[in-house]
PDB file of N, CA and C in Angstrom:
ATOM      1  N   MET A   1      -2.350 -15.098 -12.476  1.00  0.00           N
ATOM      2  CA  MET A   1      -2.312 -14.358 -10.681  1.00  0.00           C
ATOM      3  C   MET A   1      -2.415 -12.720 -11.364  1.00  0.00           C
ATOM      4  N   ALA A   2      -2.927 -12.171 -10.223  1.00  0.00           N
ATOM      5  CA  ALA A   2      -2.858 -10.704 -10.447  1.00  0.00           C
ATOM      6  C   ALA A   2      -1.771 -10.304  -9.934  1.00  0.00           C
ATOM      7  N   ARG A   3      -1.319  -9.058 -10.841  1.00  0.00           N
ATOM      8  CA  ARG A   3      -0.003  -8.572 -10.883  1.00  0.00           C
ATOM      9  C   ARG A   3      -0.139  -7.306  -9.398  1.00  0.00           C
ATOM     10  N   ILE A   4       0.880  -7.133  -8.736  1.00  0.00           N
ATOM     11  CA  ILE A   4       1.112  -6.161  -7.752  1.00  0.00           C
ATOM     12  C   ILE A   4       2.472  -5.313  -8.093  1.00  0.00           C
ATOM     13  N   LEU A   5       2.158  -3.950  -8.841  1.00  0.00           N
ATOM     14  CA  LEU A   5       3.427  -3.718  -9.032  1.00  0.00           C
ATOM     15  C   LEU A   5       3.540  -2.537  -7.755  1.00  0.00           C
ATOM     16  N   ARG A   6       4.890  -2.055  -7.294  1.00  0.00           N
ATOM     17  CA  ARG A   6       4.911  -0.889  -6.564  1.00  0.00           C
ATOM     18  C   ARG A   6       5.456   0.113  -6.765  1.00  0.00           C
ATOM     19  N   ALA A   7       5.136   1.423  -6.345  1.00  0.00           N
ATOM     20  CA  ALA A   7       6.270   2.879  -6.644  1.00  0.00           C
ATOM     21  C   ALA A   7       7.154   2.591  -5.601  1.00  0.00           C
ATOM     22  N   PRO A   8       8.147   3.411  -6.063  1.00  0.00           N
ATOM     23  CA  PRO A   8       9.414   3.240  -5.272  1.00  0.00           C
ATOM     24  C   PRO A   8       9.544   3.796  -3.450  1.00  0.00           C
ATOM     25  N   LEU A   9       8.222   4.813  -3.435  1.00  0.00           N
ATOM     26  CA  LEU A   9       8.271   5.409  -2.431  1.00  0.00           C
ATOM     27  C   LEU A   9       7.485   4.085  -1.379  1.00  0.00           C
ATOM     28  N   ALA A  10       6.417   3.454  -1.963  1.00  0.00           N
ATOM     29  CA  ALA A  10       5.927   2.050  -1.554  1.00  0.00           C
ATOM     30  C   ALA A  10       7.150   1.248  -0.914  1.00  0.00           C
ATOM     31  N   ARG A  11       7.651   0.877  -1.869  1.00  0.00           N
ATOM     32  CA  ARG A  11       8.740  -0.090  -1.391  1.00  0.00           C
ATOM     33  C   ARG A  11       9.644   0.717  -0.209  1.00  0.00           C
ATOM     34  N   ALA A  12      10.167   1.969  -0.317  1.00  0.00           N
ATOM     35  CA  ALA A  12      10.603   2.466   0.942  1.00  0.00           C
ATOM     36  C   ALA A  12       9.476   2.433   2.178  1.00  0.00           C
ATOM     37  N   ASP A  13       8.551   2.906   1.662  1.00  0.00           N
ATOM     38  CA  ASP A  13       7.652   2.476   2.860  1.00  0.00           C
ATOM     39  C   ASP A  13       7.197   1.159   3.859  1.00  0.00           C
ATOM     40  N   LEU A  14       7.541   0.419   3.058  1.00  0.00           N
ATOM     41  CA  LEU A  14       7.455  -1.060   3.748  1.00  0.00           C
ATOM     42  C   LEU A  14       8.863  -1.337   4.177  1.00  0.00           C
ATOM     43  N   LEU A  15       9.593  -0.963   3.712  1.00  0.00           N
ATOM     44  CA  LEU A  15      10.908  -1.309   4.432  1.00  0.00           C
ATOM     45  C   LEU A  15      11.040  -0.084   5.521  1.00  0.00           C
ATOM     46  N   ALA A  16      10.811   1.089   5.745  1.00  0.00           N
ATOM     47  CA  ALA A  16      10.403   1.658   6.984  1.00  0.00           C
ATOM     48  C   ALA A  16       9.459   0.982   8.117  1.00  0.00           C
ATOM     49  N   ILE A  17       8.346   0.485   7.514  1.00  0.00           N
ATOM     50  CA  ILE A  17       7.340   0.113   8.526  1.00  0.00           C
ATOM     51  C   ILE A  17       8.169  -1.233   9.246  1.00  0.00           C
ATOM     52  N   TRP A  18       8.602  -1.916   8.364  1.00  0.00           N
ATOM     53  CA  TRP A  18       9.645  -3.476   8.944  1.00  0.00           C
ATOM     54  C   TRP A  18      10.789  -2.913   9.926  1.00  0.00           C
ATOM     55  N   THR A  19      11.561  -2.148   9.548  1.00  0.00           N
ATOM     56  CA  THR A  19      12.566  -1.434  10.502  1.00  0.00           C
ATOM     57  C   THR A  19      11.853  -0.854  11.780  1.00  0.00           C
ATOM     58  N   TYR A  20      10.835  -0.609  11.527  1.00  0.00           N
ATOM     59  CA  TYR A  20      10.166   0.150  12.672  1.00  0.00           C
ATOM     60  C   TYR A  20       9.781  -0.677  13.782  1.00  0.00           C
ATOM     61  N   ILE A  21       9.026  -1.706  13.315  1.00  0.00           N
ATOM     62  CA  ILE A  21       8.354  -2.880  13.902  1.00  0.00           C
ATOM     63  C   ILE A  21       9.610  -3.476  14.420  1.00  0.00           C
ATOM     64  N   ALA A  22      10.649  -3.956  13.646  1.00  0.00           N
ATOM     65  CA  ALA A  22      11.555  -4.728  14.176  1.00  0.00           C
ATOM     66  C   ALA A  22      12.478  -3.726  15.186  1.00  0.00           C
ATOM     67  N   ASN A  23      12.531  -2.630  15.087  1.00  0.00           N
ATOM     68  CA  ASN A  23      13.265  -2.198  16.380  1.00  0.00           C
ATOM     69  C   ASN A  23      12.625  -1.789  17.478  1.00  0.00           C
ATOM     70  N   GLU A  24      11.425  -1.955  17.452  1.00  0.00           N
ATOM     71  CA  GLU A  24      10.368  -1.562  18.852  1.00  0.00           C
ATOM     72  C   GLU A  24      10.071  -2.705  19.224  1.00  0.00           C
ATOM     73  N   SER A  25       9.926  -3.797  18.723  1.00  0.00           N
ATOM     74  CA  SER A  25       9.235  -5.350  18.913  1.00  0.00           C
ATOM     75  C   SER A  25      10.325  -6.208  18.860  1.00  0.00           C
ATOM     76  N   SER A  26      10.135  -6.820  17.255  1.00  0.00           N
ATOM     77  CA  SER A  26      11.524  -7.802  17.397  1.00  0.00           C
ATOM     78  C   SER A  26      11.306  -7.982  15.725  1.00  0.00           C
ATOM     79  N   PRO A  27      11.989  -8.372  15.046  1.00  0.00           N
ATOM     80  CA  PRO A  27      12.335  -8.819  13.444  1.00  0.00           C
ATOM     81  C   PRO A  27      11.213  -9.869  13.302  1.00  0.00           C
ATOM     82  N   ALA A  28      10.946 -10.916  13.897  1.00  0.00           N
ATOM     83  CA  ALA A  28       9.741 -11.477  14.006  1.00  0.00           C
ATOM     84  C   ALA A  28       8.226 -11.088  13.747  1.00  0.00           C
ATOM     85  N   ILE A  29       8.346 -10.149  14.658  1.00  0.00           N
ATOM     86  CA  ILE A  29       6.948  -9.531  14.710  1.00  0.00           C
ATOM     87  C   ILE A  29       6.888  -8.810  13.414  1.00  0.00           C
ATOM     88  N   ALA A  30       8.038  -8.166  12.979  1.00  0.00           N
ATOM     89  CA  ALA A  30       7.966  -7.309  11.705  1.00  0.00           C
ATOM     90  C   ALA A  30       7.417  -8.072  10.536  1.00  0.00           C
ATOM     91  N   ASP A  31       8.196  -9.479  10.582  1.00  0.00           N
ATOM     92  CA  ASP A  31       8.102 -10.280   9.208  1.00  0.00           C
ATOM     93  C   ASP A  31       6.372 -10.795   9.335  1.00  0.00           C
ATOM     94  N   THR A  32       5.629 -11.147  10.678  1.00  0.00           N
ATOM     95  CA  THR A  32       4.303 -11.188  10.657  1.00  0.00           C
ATOM     96  C   THR A  32       3.772 -10.119  10.042  1.00  0.00           C
ATOM     97  N   PHE A  33       4.003  -8.799  10.523  1.00  0.00           N
ATOM     98  CA  PHE A  33       3.196  -7.643  10.300  1.00  0.00           C
ATOM     99  C   PHE A  33       3.181  -7.595   8.627  1.00  0.00           C
ATOM    100  N   LEU A  34       4.663  -7.671   8.030  1.00  0.00           N
ATOM    101  CA  LEU A  34       4.644  -7.315   6.755  1.00  0.00           C
ATOM    102  C   LEU A  34       4.015  -8.564   6.105  1.00  0.00           C
ATOM    103  N   ALA A  35       3.937  -9.540   6.023  1.00  0.00           N
ATOM    104  CA  ALA A  35       3.408 -10.786   5.406  1.00  0.00           C
ATOM    105  C   ALA A  35       1.760 -10.700   5.479  1.00  0.00           C
ATOM    106  N   ARG A  36       1.237  -9.973   6.441  1.00  0.00           N
ATOM    107  CA  ARG A  36      -0.163  -9.610   6.919  1.00  0.00           C
ATOM    108  C   ARG A  36      -0.689  -8.603   5.651  1.00  0.00           C
ATOM    109  N   LEU A  37       0.788  -7.406   5.725  1.00  0.00           N
ATOM    110  CA  LEU A  37       0.172  -6.472   4.371  1.00  0.00           C
ATOM    111  C   LEU A  37       0.115  -7.008   3.253  1.00  0.00           C
ATOM    112  N   HIS A  38       1.212  -8.078   2.966  1.00  0.00           N
ATOM    113  CA  HIS A  38       1.308  -8.522   1.501  1.00  0.00           C
ATOM    114  C   HIS A  38       0.080  -9.482   1.108  1.00  0.00           C
ATOM    115  N   GLY A  39      -0.320 -10.237   2.282  1.00  0.00           N
ATOM    116  CA  GLY A  39      -1.536 -11.227   2.136  1.00  0.00           C
ATOM    117  C   GLY A  39      -2.548 -10.224   1.833  1.00  0.00           C
ATOM    118  N   ALA A  40      -2.997  -9.005   2.504  1.00  0.00           N
ATOM    119  CA  ALA A  40      -3.890  -8.462   2.074  1.00  0.00           C
ATOM    120  C   ALA A  40      -4.107  -7.873   0.733  1.00  0.00           C
ATOM    121  N   LEU A  41      -2.740  -7.535   0.150  1.00  0.00           N
ATOM    122  CA  LEU A  41      -2.889  -6.986  -1.389  1.00  0.00           C
ATOM    123  C   LEU A  41      -2.906  -8.051  -2.139  1.00  0.00           C
ATOM    124  N   GLU A  42      -2.441  -9.482  -1.754  1.00  0.00           N
ATOM    125  CA  GLU A  42      -2.680 -10.532  -2.779  1.00  0.00           C
ATOM    126  C   GLU A  42      -4.296 -10.977  -2.773  1.00  0.00           C
ATOM    127  N   VAL A  43      -5.121 -10.765  -1.981  1.00  0.00           N
ATOM    128  CA  VAL A  43      -6.423 -11.059  -1.822  1.00  0.00           C
ATOM    129  C   VAL A  43      -7.257 -10.011  -2.560  1.00  0.00           C
ATOM    130  N   VAL A  44      -6.800  -8.378  -2.584  1.00  0.00           N
ATOM    131  CA  VAL A  44      -7.443  -7.400  -3.234  1.00  0.00           C
ATOM    132  C   VAL A  44      -6.955  -7.356  -4.533  1.00  0.00           C
ATOM    133  N   ALA A  45      -5.864  -7.929  -4.700  1.00  0.00           N
ATOM    134  CA  ALA A  45      -5.295  -7.716  -6.083  1.00  0.00           C
ATOM    135  C   ALA A  45      -6.197  -8.251  -7.647  1.00  0.00           C
ATOM    136  N   SER A  46      -6.715  -9.364  -6.996  1.00  0.00           N
ATOM    137  CA  SER A  46      -7.770  -9.959  -7.917  1.00  0.00           C
ATOM    138  C   SER A  46      -9.197  -9.534  -8.113  1.00  0.00           C
ATOM    139  N   ALA A  47      -9.344  -8.583  -7.177  1.00  0.00           N
ATOM    140  CA  ALA A  47     -10.747  -7.233  -7.382  1.00  0.00           C
ATOM    141  C   ALA A  47     -10.184  -5.911  -7.401  1.00  0.00           C
ATOM    142  N   PRO A  48      -9.484  -5.594  -8.561  1.00  0.00           N
ATOM    143  CA  PRO A  48      -8.876  -4.411  -8.268  1.00  0.00           C
ATOM    144  C   PRO A  48      -9.878  -3.005  -8.107  1.00  0.00           C
ATOM    145  N   TYR A  49     -11.394  -3.113  -8.205  1.00  0.00           N
ATOM    146  CA  TYR A  49     -11.798  -1.885  -7.663  1.00  0.00           C
ATOM    147  C   TYR A  49     -12.766  -2.300  -6.683  1.00  0.00           C
ATOM    148  N   SER A  50     -11.824  -2.807  -5.896  1.00  0.00           N
ATOM    149  CA  SER A  50     -12.232  -3.047  -4.524  1.00  0.00           C
ATOM    150  C   SER A  50     -11.605  -1.689  -3.675  1.00  0.00           C
ATOM    151  N   GLY A  51     -11.771  -2.105  -2.246  1.00  0.00           N
ATOM    152  CA  GLY A  51     -11.353  -1.157  -1.072  1.00  0.00           C
ATOM    153  C   GLY A  51     -11.817   0.399  -1.485  1.00  0.00           C
ATOM    154  N   ARG A  52     -12.018   1.537  -0.714  1.00  0.00           N
ATOM    155  CA  ARG A  52     -12.415   2.728  -0.688  1.00  0.00           C
ATOM    156  C   ARG A  52     -11.842   3.697  -2.118  1.00  0.00           C
ATOM    157  N   GLU A  53     -12.990   4.420  -2.898  1.00  0.00           N
ATOM    158  CA  GLU A  53     -12.628   5.383  -3.612  1.00  0.00           C
ATOM    159  C   GLU A  53     -11.830   6.211  -2.892  1.00  0.00           C
ATOM    160  N   ARG A  54     -10.920   7.163  -3.119  1.00  0.00           N
ATOM    161  CA  ARG A  54     -10.146   8.558  -2.510  1.00  0.00           C
ATOM    162  C   ARG A  54      -9.928   9.723  -3.664  1.00  0.00           C
ATOM    163  N   SER A  55     -11.261  10.000  -4.174  1.00  0.00           N
ATOM    164  CA  SER A  55     -11.328  11.143  -4.957  1.00  0.00           C
ATOM    165  C   SER A  55     -10.931  12.625  -4.420  1.00  0.00           C
ATOM    166  N   GLU A  56     -10.312  12.452  -2.953  1.00  0.00           N
ATOM    167  CA  GLU A  56     -10.226  13.889  -2.651  1.00  0.00           C
ATOM    168  C   GLU A  56      -8.621  13.952  -3.074  1.00  0.00           C
ATOM    169  N   PHE A  57      -7.845  12.798  -3.568  1.00  0.00           N
ATOM    170  CA  PHE A  57      -6.527  13.009  -4.315  1.00  0.00           C
ATOM    171  C   PHE A  57      -6.629  12.902  -5.535  1.00  0.00           C
ATOM    172  N   ASP A  58      -5.564  13.660  -6.027  1.00  0.00           N
ATOM    173  CA  ASP A  58      -5.463  13.770  -7.476  1.00  0.00           C
ATOM    174  C   ASP A  58      -5.164  12.101  -8.114  1.00  0.00           C
ATOM    175  N   GLY A  59      -5.693  11.922  -9.107  1.00  0.00           N
ATOM    176  CA  GLY A  59      -5.514  10.527  -9.763  1.00  0.00           C
ATOM    177  C   GLY A  59      -6.331   9.584  -9.083  1.00  0.00           C
ATOM    178  N   SER A  60      -7.321  10.094  -8.410  1.00  0.00           N
ATOM    179  CA  SER A  60      -8.417   9.506  -7.416  1.00  0.00           C
ATOM    180  C   SER A  60      -8.218   7.612  -7.392  1.00  0.00           C
ATOM    181  N   PRO A  61      -7.068   7.663  -6.266  1.00  0.00           N
ATOM    182  CA  PRO A  61      -6.660   6.472  -6.111  1.00  0.00           C
ATOM    183  C   PRO A  61      -7.440   5.790  -4.961  1.00  0.00           C
ATOM    184  N   ARG A  62      -7.411   4.745  -4.678  1.00  0.00           N
ATOM    185  CA  ARG A  62      -8.546   3.906  -4.068  1.00  0.00           C
ATOM    186  C   ARG A  62      -7.499   3.257  -2.657  1.00  0.00           C
ATOM    187  N   SER A  63      -8.387   2.953  -1.520  1.00  0.00           N
ATOM    188  CA  SER A  63      -7.342   2.806  -0.136  1.00  0.00           C
ATOM    189  C   SER A  63      -7.801   1.404   0.158  1.00  0.00           C
ATOM    190  N   LEU A  64      -6.889   0.797   1.180  1.00  0.00           N
ATOM    191  CA  LEU A  64      -7.135  -0.445   1.830  1.00  0.00           C
ATOM    192  C   LEU A  64      -6.518  -0.240   2.989  1.00  0.00           C
ATOM    193  N   VAL A  65      -7.593  -0.423   4.186  1.00  0.00           N
ATOM    194  CA  VAL A  65      -6.756  -0.506   5.617  1.00  0.00           C
ATOM    195  C   VAL A  65      -6.237  -1.457   5.907  1.00  0.00           C
ATOM    196  N   VAL A  66      -4.825  -1.506   6.729  1.00  0.00           N
ATOM    197  CA  VAL A  66      -4.758  -2.627   7.368  1.00  0.00           C
ATOM    198  C   VAL A  66      -3.860  -2.071   8.559  1.00  0.00           C
ATOM    199  N   ARG A  67      -4.814  -2.351   9.810  1.00  0.00           N
ATOM    200  CA  ARG A  67      -4.780  -1.056  10.690  1.00  0.00           C
ATOM    201  C   ARG A  67      -3.060  -1.471  11.423  1.00  0.00           C
ATOM    202  N   PRO A  68      -2.217  -0.475  11.606  1.00  0.00           N
ATOM    203  CA  PRO A  68      -2.581   1.101  11.733  1.00  0.00           C
ATOM    204  C   PRO A  68      -2.516   1.607  10.006  1.00  0.00           C
ATOM    205  N   TYR A  69      -2.198   0.952   9.321  1.00  0.00           N
ATOM    206  CA  TYR A  69      -1.598   1.511   7.764  1.00  0.00           C
ATOM    207  C   TYR A  69      -2.979   1.595   7.116  1.00  0.00           C
ATOM    208  N   VAL A  70      -2.435   2.445   5.822  1.00  0.00           N
ATOM    209  CA  VAL A  70      -3.620   2.736   5.106  1.00  0.00           C
ATOM    210  C   VAL A  70      -2.534   2.174   3.585  1.00  0.00           C
ATOM    211  N   ILE A  71      -3.208   1.753   2.739  1.00  0.00           N
ATOM    212  CA  ILE A  71      -2.395   1.187   1.478  1.00  0.00           C
ATOM    213  C   ILE A  71      -3.078   1.788   0.085  1.00  0.00           C
ATOM    214  N   PHE A  72      -2.489   2.644  -0.406  1.00  0.00           N
ATOM    215  CA  PHE A  72      -3.214   3.560  -1.455  1.00  0.00           C
ATOM    216  C   PHE A  72      -2.508   2.826  -2.655  1.00  0.00           C
ATOM    217  N   TYR A  73      -3.497   2.837  -3.605  1.00  0.00           N
ATOM    218  CA  TYR A  73      -3.073   2.289  -4.696  1.00  0.00           C
ATOM    219  C   TYR A  73      -4.504   2.395  -5.991  1.00  0.00           C
ATOM    220  N   GLU A  74      -3.967   1.672  -7.167  1.00  0.00           N
ATOM    221  CA  GLU A  74      -4.509   2.621  -8.241  1.00  0.00           C
ATOM    222  C   GLU A  74      -4.635   0.793  -8.545  1.00  0.00           C
ATOM    223  N   PRO A  75      -6.178   0.416  -9.606  1.00  0.00           N
ATOM    224  CA  PRO A  75      -6.409  -0.868 -10.420  1.00  0.00           C
ATOM    225  C   PRO A  75      -5.313  -0.450 -11.841  1.00  0.00           C
ATOM    226  N   LEU A  76      -4.921  -1.329 -12.143  1.00  0.00           N
ATOM    227  CA  LEU A  76      -3.803  -1.675 -13.763  1.00  0.00           C
ATOM    228  C   LEU A  76      -4.974  -1.514 -14.893  1.00  0.00           C
ATOM    229  N   VAL A  77      -4.104  -0.771 -15.947  1.00  0.00           N
ATOM    230  CA  VAL A  77      -5.252  -0.172 -16.750  1.00  0.00           C
ATOM    231  C   VAL A  77      -5.816  -1.625 -17.839  1.00  0.00           C
ATOM    232  N   ASP A  78      -4.735  -2.765 -17.809  1.00  0.00           N
ATOM    233  CA  ASP A  78      -5.830  -3.838 -18.218  1.00  0.00           C
ATOM    234  C   ASP A  78      -6.456  -4.482 -17.103  1.00  0.00           C
ATOM    235  N   GLY A  79      -6.712  -3.983 -16.319  1.00  0.00           N
ATOM    236  CA  GLY A  79      -7.581  -4.760 -14.990  1.00  0.00           C
ATOM    237  C   GLY A  79      -7.056  -6.170 -14.275  1.00  0.00           C
ATOM    238  N   ASP A  80      -5.684  -6.282 -14.021  1.00  0.00           N
ATOM    239  CA  ASP A  80      -5.060  -7.346 -13.806  1.00  0.00           C
ATOM    240  C   ASP A  80      -4.006  -7.208 -12.893  1.00  0.00           C
ATOM    241  N   GLY A  81      -4.652  -6.408 -11.992  1.00  0.00           N
ATOM    242  CA  GLY A  81      -3.863  -5.882 -10.463  1.00  0.00           C
ATOM    243  C   GLY A  81      -3.993  -5.091  -9.941  1.00  0.00           C
ATOM    244  N   LYS A  82      -2.852  -4.617  -9.322  1.00  0.00           N
ATOM    245  CA  LYS A  82      -2.755  -2.864  -8.365  1.00  0.00           C
ATOM    246  C   LYS A  82      -1.532  -2.434  -8.754  1.00  0.00           C
ATOM    247  N   ALA A  83      -1.651  -1.267  -8.498  1.00  0.00           N
ATOM    248  CA  ALA A  83      -0.271  -0.378  -8.683  1.00  0.00           C
ATOM    249  C   ALA A  83      -0.269   0.198  -7.483  1.00  0.00           C
ATOM    250  N   ILE A  84       0.703   0.148  -6.413  1.00  0.00           N
ATOM    251  CA  ILE A  84       0.581   0.262  -5.235  1.00  0.00           C
ATOM    252  C   ILE A  84       1.353   1.814  -4.959  1.00  0.00           C
ATOM    253  N   TRP A  85       0.802   3.153  -4.265  1.00  0.00           N
ATOM    254  CA  TRP A  85       1.405   4.436  -4.404  1.00  0.00           C
ATOM    255  C   TRP A  85       2.043   4.252  -3.446  1.00  0.00           C
ATOM    256  N   ARG A  86       1.483   4.187  -2.125  1.00  0.00           N
ATOM    257  CA  ARG A  86       2.060   4.497  -0.857  1.00  0.00           C
ATOM    258  C   ARG A  86       1.371   3.539  -0.002  1.00  0.00           C
ATOM    259  N   VAL A  87       2.132   3.253   1.294  1.00  0.00           N
ATOM    260  CA  VAL A  87       1.878   2.174   2.614  1.00  0.00           C
ATOM    261  C   VAL A  87       1.704   3.643   3.402  1.00  0.00           C
ATOM    262  N   LEU A  88       0.787   3.871   4.460  1.00  0.00           N
ATOM    263  CA  LEU A  88       1.024   5.321   5.162  1.00  0.00           C
ATOM    264  C   LEU A  88       0.377   4.731   6.639  1.00  0.00           C
ATOM    265  N   HIS A  89       0.877   5.346   7.891  1.00  0.00           N
ATOM    266  CA  HIS A  89       0.246   5.186   9.104  1.00  0.00           C
ATOM    267  C   HIS A  89      -0.822   6.069   8.865  1.00  0.00           C
ATOM    268  N   GLY A  90      -1.812   5.499   9.411  1.00  0.00           N
ATOM    269  CA  GLY A  90      -3.079   6.204   9.230  1.00  0.00           C
ATOM    270  C   GLY A  90      -2.871   7.330  10.010  1.00  0.00           C
ATOM    271  N   ALA A  91      -2.197   7.889  10.839  1.00  0.00           N
ATOM    272  CA  ALA A  91      -2.466   9.104  11.878  1.00  0.00           C
ATOM    273  C   ALA A  91      -1.634  10.282  10.978  1.00  0.00           C
ATOM    274  N   ARG A  92      -0.939   9.843   9.717  1.00  0.00           N
ATOM    275  CA  ARG A  92       0.192  10.801   8.951  1.00  0.00           C
ATOM    276  C   ARG A  92      -1.203  11.895   8.190  1.00  0.00           C
ATOM    277  N   LYS A  93      -0.754  13.187   8.174  1.00  0.00           N
ATOM    278  CA  LYS A  93      -1.278  13.791   7.010  1.00  0.00           C
ATOM    279  C   LYS A  93      -1.126  13.350   5.758  1.00  0.00           C
ATOM    280  N   MET A  94      -2.036  12.760   5.048  1.00  0.00           N
ATOM    281  CA  MET A  94      -2.168  11.984   3.904  1.00  0.00           C
ATOM    282  C   MET A  94      -1.993  13.135   2.908  1.00  0.00           C
ATOM    283  N   GLU A  95      -2.718  14.351   2.647  1.00  0.00           N
ATOM    284  CA  GLU A  95      -2.627  15.095   1.862  1.00  0.00           C
ATOM    285  C   GLU A  95      -1.434  15.784   1.762  1.00  0.00           C
ATOM    286  N   ASP A  96      -0.686  15.948   2.655  1.00  0.00           N
ATOM    287  CA  ASP A  96       0.801  16.471   2.252  1.00  0.00           C
ATOM    288  C   ASP A  96       1.854  15.306   1.642  1.00  0.00           C
ATOM    289  N   LEU A  97       1.243  13.503   1.710  1.00  0.00           N
ATOM    290  CA  LEU A  97       2.207  12.830   1.424  1.00  0.00           C
ATOM    291  C   LEU A  97       1.932  12.244  -0.145  1.00  0.00           C
ATOM    292  N   LEU A  98       0.510  12.429  -0.195  1.00  0.00           N
ATOM    293  CA  LEU A  98       0.140  11.364  -1.376  1.00  0.00           C
ATOM    294  C   LEU A  98       0.001  12.335  -2.728  1.00  0.00           C
ATOM    295  N   ARG A  99       1.062  11.272  -3.679  1.00  0.00           N
ATOM    296  CA  ARG A  99       0.444  12.020  -4.891  1.00  0.00           C
ATOM    297  C   ARG A  99       0.880  10.720  -5.929  1.00  0.00           C
ATOM    298  N   ASN A 100       0.282  10.944  -7.466  1.00  0.00           N
ATOM    299  CA  ASN A 100       0.330   9.590  -8.204  1.00  0.00           C
ATOM    300  C   ASN A 100       2.151   9.768  -8.280  1.00  0.00           C
ATOM    301  N   PRO A 101       2.670   8.437  -8.062  1.00  0.00           N
ATOM    302  CA  PRO A 101       4.073   8.456  -8.486  1.00  0.00           C
ATOM    303  C   PRO A 101       4.292   8.178  -9.689  1.00  0.00           C
ATOM    304  N   GLY A 102       3.561   7.716 -10.699  1.00  0.00           N
ATOM    305  CA  GLY A 102       3.529   7.669 -12.092  1.00  0.00           C
ATOM    306  C   GLY A 102       4.439   6.539 -12.579  1.00  0.00           C
ATOM    307  N   ARG A 103       5.293   5.876 -11.761  1.00  0.00           N
ATOM    308  CA  ARG A 103       6.323   4.725 -11.921  1.00  0.00           C
ATOM    309  C   ARG A 103       5.982   4.056 -10.735  1.00  0.00           C
ATOM    310  N   PHE A 104       5.909   2.662 -11.393  1.00  0.00           N
ATOM    311  CA  PHE A 104       5.743   1.282 -10.723  1.00  0.00           C
ATOM    312  C   PHE A 104       6.864   0.374 -10.893  1.00  0.00           C
ATOM    313  N   GLU A 105       7.445  -0.522 -10.101  1.00  0.00           N
ATOM    314  CA  GLU A 105       8.131  -1.671 -10.872  1.00  0.00           C
ATOM    315  C   GLU A 105       7.511  -2.946 -10.373  1.00  0.00           C
TER     316      GLU A 105
END
Protein backbone atom coordinates (compact mmCIF):
# COMPACT_ATOMS: atom_id res chain seq x y z
CA MET A 1 0.00 0.00 0.00
CA ALA A 2 1.34 3.44 -0.95
CA ARG A 3 2.24 5.79 1.89
CA ILE A 4 0.76 9.24 2.45
CA LEU A 5 2.82 11.55 4.66
CA ARG A 6 1.54 14.97 5.75
CA ALA A 7 3.43 18.13 6.65
CA PRO A 8 2.29 19.73 9.92
CA LEU A 9 0.67 22.56 7.93
CA ALA A 10 -1.25 20.02 5.83
CA ARG A 11 -2.58 18.42 9.02
CA ALA A 12 -3.62 21.86 10.27
CA ASP A 13 -5.26 22.61 6.89
CA LEU A 14 -7.35 19.43 7.08
CA LEU A 15 -8.47 20.23 10.63
CA ALA A 16 -9.37 23.80 9.63
CA ILE A 17 -11.36 22.53 6.63
CA TRP A 18 -13.27 20.08 8.80
CA THR A 19 -13.97 22.75 11.44
CA TYR A 20 -15.17 25.28 8.88
CA ILE A 21 -17.52 22.84 7.14
CA ALA A 22 -18.82 21.48 10.47
CA ASN A 23 -19.59 25.00 11.68
CA GLU A 24 -21.18 26.12 8.40
CA SER A 25 -23.11 22.90 7.69
CA SER A 26 -22.74 19.93 10.03
CA PRO A 27 -20.13 17.55 11.41
CA ALA A 28 -21.58 14.79 9.18
CA ILE A 29 -21.05 16.87 6.04
CA ALA A 30 -17.53 17.75 7.22
CA ASP A 31 -16.79 14.04 7.76
CA THR A 32 -18.08 13.22 4.27
CA PHE A 33 -15.95 15.90 2.62
CA LEU A 34 -12.79 14.88 4.49
CA ALA A 35 -13.45 11.27 3.47
CA ARG A 36 -13.63 12.50 -0.13
CA LEU A 37 -10.28 14.29 0.23
CA HIS A 38 -8.65 11.24 1.82
CA GLY A 39 -10.12 8.96 -0.84
CA ALA A 40 -8.62 11.11 -3.60
CA LEU A 41 -5.23 10.97 -1.86
CA GLU A 42 -5.30 7.20 -1.57
CA VAL A 43 -6.26 6.70 -5.21
CA VAL A 44 -3.42 8.87 -6.52
CA ALA A 45 -0.84 7.80 -3.90
CA SER A 46 -0.26 4.68 -5.94
CA ALA A 47 0.52 6.86 -8.99
CA PRO A 48 2.95 9.39 -7.47
CA TYR A 49 3.53 11.37 -10.66
CA SER A 50 -0.15 11.93 -11.33
CA GLY A 51 -1.63 15.39 -10.97
CA ARG A 52 -0.50 18.67 -12.39
CA GLU A 53 3.15 19.75 -12.25
CA ARG A 54 3.49 23.09 -10.43
CA SER A 55 6.92 24.35 -11.49
CA GLU A 56 5.92 27.92 -10.59
CA PHE A 57 6.59 27.02 -6.93
CA ASP A 58 9.96 26.23 -5.35
CA GLY A 59 10.52 22.51 -5.11
CA SER A 60 8.14 21.87 -8.04
CA PRO A 61 5.24 20.25 -6.20
CA ARG A 62 2.32 18.66 -8.01
CA SER A 63 -1.36 19.38 -7.36
CA LEU A 64 -4.71 17.66 -7.39
CA VAL A 65 -8.03 19.49 -7.25
CA VAL A 66 -10.86 18.28 -5.02
CA ARG A 67 -13.17 21.24 -5.48
CA PRO A 68 -12.97 23.78 -4.03
CA TYR A 69 -9.61 22.73 -2.52
CA VAL A 70 -6.20 22.10 -4.06
CA ILE A 71 -3.92 19.46 -2.60
CA PHE A 72 -0.21 20.19 -3.07
CA TYR A 73 2.17 17.26 -2.77
CA GLU A 74 5.37 15.69 -3.99
CA PRO A 75 6.11 12.07 -4.83
CA LEU A 76 8.15 10.28 -2.17
CA VAL A 77 11.75 9.65 -3.22
CA ASP A 78 11.27 5.89 -3.18
CA GLY A 79 8.17 6.24 -5.40
CA ASP A 80 6.00 4.61 -2.74
CA GLY A 81 3.44 7.36 -2.18
CA LYS A 82 3.12 11.09 -1.63
CA ALA A 83 4.17 13.77 0.83
CA ILE A 84 1.36 16.30 1.26
CA TRP A 85 2.52 19.92 1.55
CA ARG A 86 -0.77 21.81 1.96
CA VAL A 87 -4.51 21.58 1.29
CA LEU A 88 -5.67 25.07 0.34
CA HIS A 89 -8.90 26.61 -0.87
CA GLY A 90 -8.58 27.31 -4.60
CA ALA A 91 -9.49 30.99 -4.15
CA ARG A 92 -6.51 31.70 -1.88
CA LYS A 93 -3.32 33.36 -3.09
CA MET A 94 -1.11 30.29 -3.31
CA GLU A 95 2.13 32.19 -3.91
CA ASP A 96 1.99 33.57 -0.35
CA LEU A 97 1.20 30.23 1.28
CA LEU A 98 3.06 27.47 -0.50
CA ARG A 99 6.57 26.55 0.58
CA ASN A 100 8.30 23.18 0.77
CA PRO A 101 7.65 22.15 4.36
CA GLY A 102 10.72 19.94 4.56
CA ARG A 103 9.20 17.75 7.28
CA PHE A 104 6.45 15.15 7.03
CA GLU A 105 4.80 12.75 9.46
